[in-house]
Each structure stands twice: as structure tokens, then as C-alpha cells.
Protein backbone atom coordinates (compact mmCIF):
# COMPACT_ATOMS: atom_id res chain seq x y z
CA MET A 1 72.48 -20.04 103.62
CA GLY A 2 75.00 -22.78 103.63
CA ILE A 3 77.74 -20.19 103.48
CA LYS A 4 76.51 -18.03 106.17
CA VAL A 5 76.06 -20.83 108.05
CA ALA A 6 79.37 -22.26 107.76
CA ILE A 7 81.03 -18.73 108.32
CA GLY A 8 78.67 -18.20 111.61
CA LYS A 9 76.50 -15.42 110.24
CA LEU A 10 73.36 -17.25 110.57
CA PRO A 11 72.59 -19.47 113.42
CA LEU A 12 69.91 -21.83 113.04
CA SER A 13 68.44 -24.11 115.76
CA ASP A 14 68.68 -27.26 113.52
CA PRO A 15 70.83 -28.67 110.64
CA LEU A 16 70.83 -26.96 107.40
CA ASP A 17 69.22 -29.36 105.25
CA SER A 18 66.54 -30.32 108.11
CA TYR A 19 65.86 -26.91 108.44
CA ILE A 20 65.15 -25.63 104.95
CA SER A 21 63.01 -28.48 104.42
CA SER A 22 60.73 -28.06 107.61
CA GLN A 23 60.44 -24.08 106.88
CA MET A 24 59.52 -24.50 103.13
CA GLY A 25 56.73 -27.11 104.39
CA PHE A 26 55.94 -24.69 106.77
CA LEU A 27 55.64 -21.68 104.66
CA VAL A 28 54.09 -23.59 102.02
CA MET A 29 57.44 -22.52 99.86
CA ARG A 30 58.48 -24.43 96.60
CA SER A 31 62.26 -24.49 95.45
CA LEU A 32 63.13 -22.38 92.29
CA GLU A 33 65.53 -23.84 89.84
CA ILE A 34 68.02 -21.64 87.94
CA THR A 35 67.49 -21.50 84.36
CA ALA A 36 69.55 -20.16 81.42
CA SER A 37 67.05 -17.50 81.36
CA HIS A 38 68.09 -16.55 84.78
CA ALA A 39 71.97 -17.18 84.32
CA LEU A 40 71.89 -14.47 80.93
CA ARG A 41 69.59 -11.86 82.76
CA ALA A 42 72.04 -12.07 85.94
CA ALA A 43 75.15 -11.87 83.66
CA ALA A 44 73.24 -8.63 81.73
CA LEU A 45 72.59 -6.77 84.73
CA PRO A 46 74.29 -3.25 85.47
CA LEU A 47 77.17 -3.79 87.72
CA HIS A 48 75.91 -1.70 90.69
CA HIS A 49 76.54 -4.88 92.69
CA ARG A 50 79.31 -7.28 92.55
CA ASP A 51 77.86 -10.73 94.27
CA PRO A 52 76.77 -12.96 91.75
CA PHE A 53 74.36 -14.86 94.29
CA ASP A 54 72.92 -11.62 94.81
CA LYS A 55 72.23 -10.71 90.98
CA MET A 56 70.76 -14.67 90.46
CA LEU A 57 67.92 -13.48 93.12
CA ILE A 58 67.55 -10.54 91.41
CA ALA A 59 67.61 -11.88 87.97
CA GLN A 60 65.12 -14.72 89.04
CA ALA A 61 63.08 -11.95 90.60
CA GLN A 62 62.81 -10.22 87.88
CA ILE A 63 61.93 -13.12 85.29
CA GLU A 64 59.59 -14.64 87.71
CA ASP A 65 57.87 -11.57 88.46
CA MET A 66 58.36 -12.21 92.29
CA THR A 67 59.22 -9.95 94.99
CA LEU A 68 62.72 -9.87 96.70
CA VAL A 69 62.69 -9.73 100.43
CA SER A 70 66.03 -8.35 101.76
CA ALA A 71 67.84 -5.94 103.86
CA ASN A 72 70.70 -5.04 101.12
CA SER A 73 70.23 -1.52 100.06
CA MET A 74 72.20 -2.51 96.86
CA PHE A 75 69.34 -3.97 95.78
CA ASN A 76 67.49 -0.53 95.44
CA GLN A 77 69.95 0.04 92.50
CA TYR A 78 67.99 -2.54 90.03
CA ASP A 79 64.52 -2.70 88.83
CA VAL A 80 63.22 -5.10 90.61
CA SER A 81 60.26 -5.31 93.32
CA LEU A 82 61.80 -5.22 97.04
CA LEU A 83 60.10 -6.06 100.32
CA TRP A 84 62.71 -4.48 103.00
CA ALA A 85 63.69 -6.85 105.61
CA ALA A 86 65.94 -4.99 108.03
CA LYS A 87 65.98 -5.22 112.02
CA SER A 88 64.01 -2.13 113.41
């Protein structure tokens, strides 16, 4: 998110740190640490998509049995539960 905010692709109403904190509280969310098993799974994923951040999200979703929310069609090429989040 920080990168998207910095390059102007994600405008936020508040500074990033306070935005994340308030939204996590509002949505009753918790953070998910990156573990060695996440990193190893990301490294072992097929090279359908080369973005290391996206591959980490895929690996975490697979290992933690979570659904990934995205509008990135590249995620369809991986064995991951996906909730499509594109604007209509």
C-alpha cells in the first residue's frame, strides 16, 4: 500500500499509518507476519507472474487457507481461493 500511495495510485483520506490502523480496527482484522514457509512457497510458485509481492500474497493465502481479494487476473493462474474485487 505504501508504494501505491507514494506513486499516486492509491489516494487515502488519512496518512498511511493511521489509515491502516483505523481500518484494521474497523474491520476487526489482524496482521499476518511473513514466515520462512511463506517465503519458500512464494519461491516455489510457477512463474506465471513475476511480481514478488503478489507471489507472497498467493503463498500466504495458500498456506493459511485464506481467500485472496484482488482484481488482478494473473491470480487466476494459481491454485488459490480468489474473491474478485474489480470495479463494475
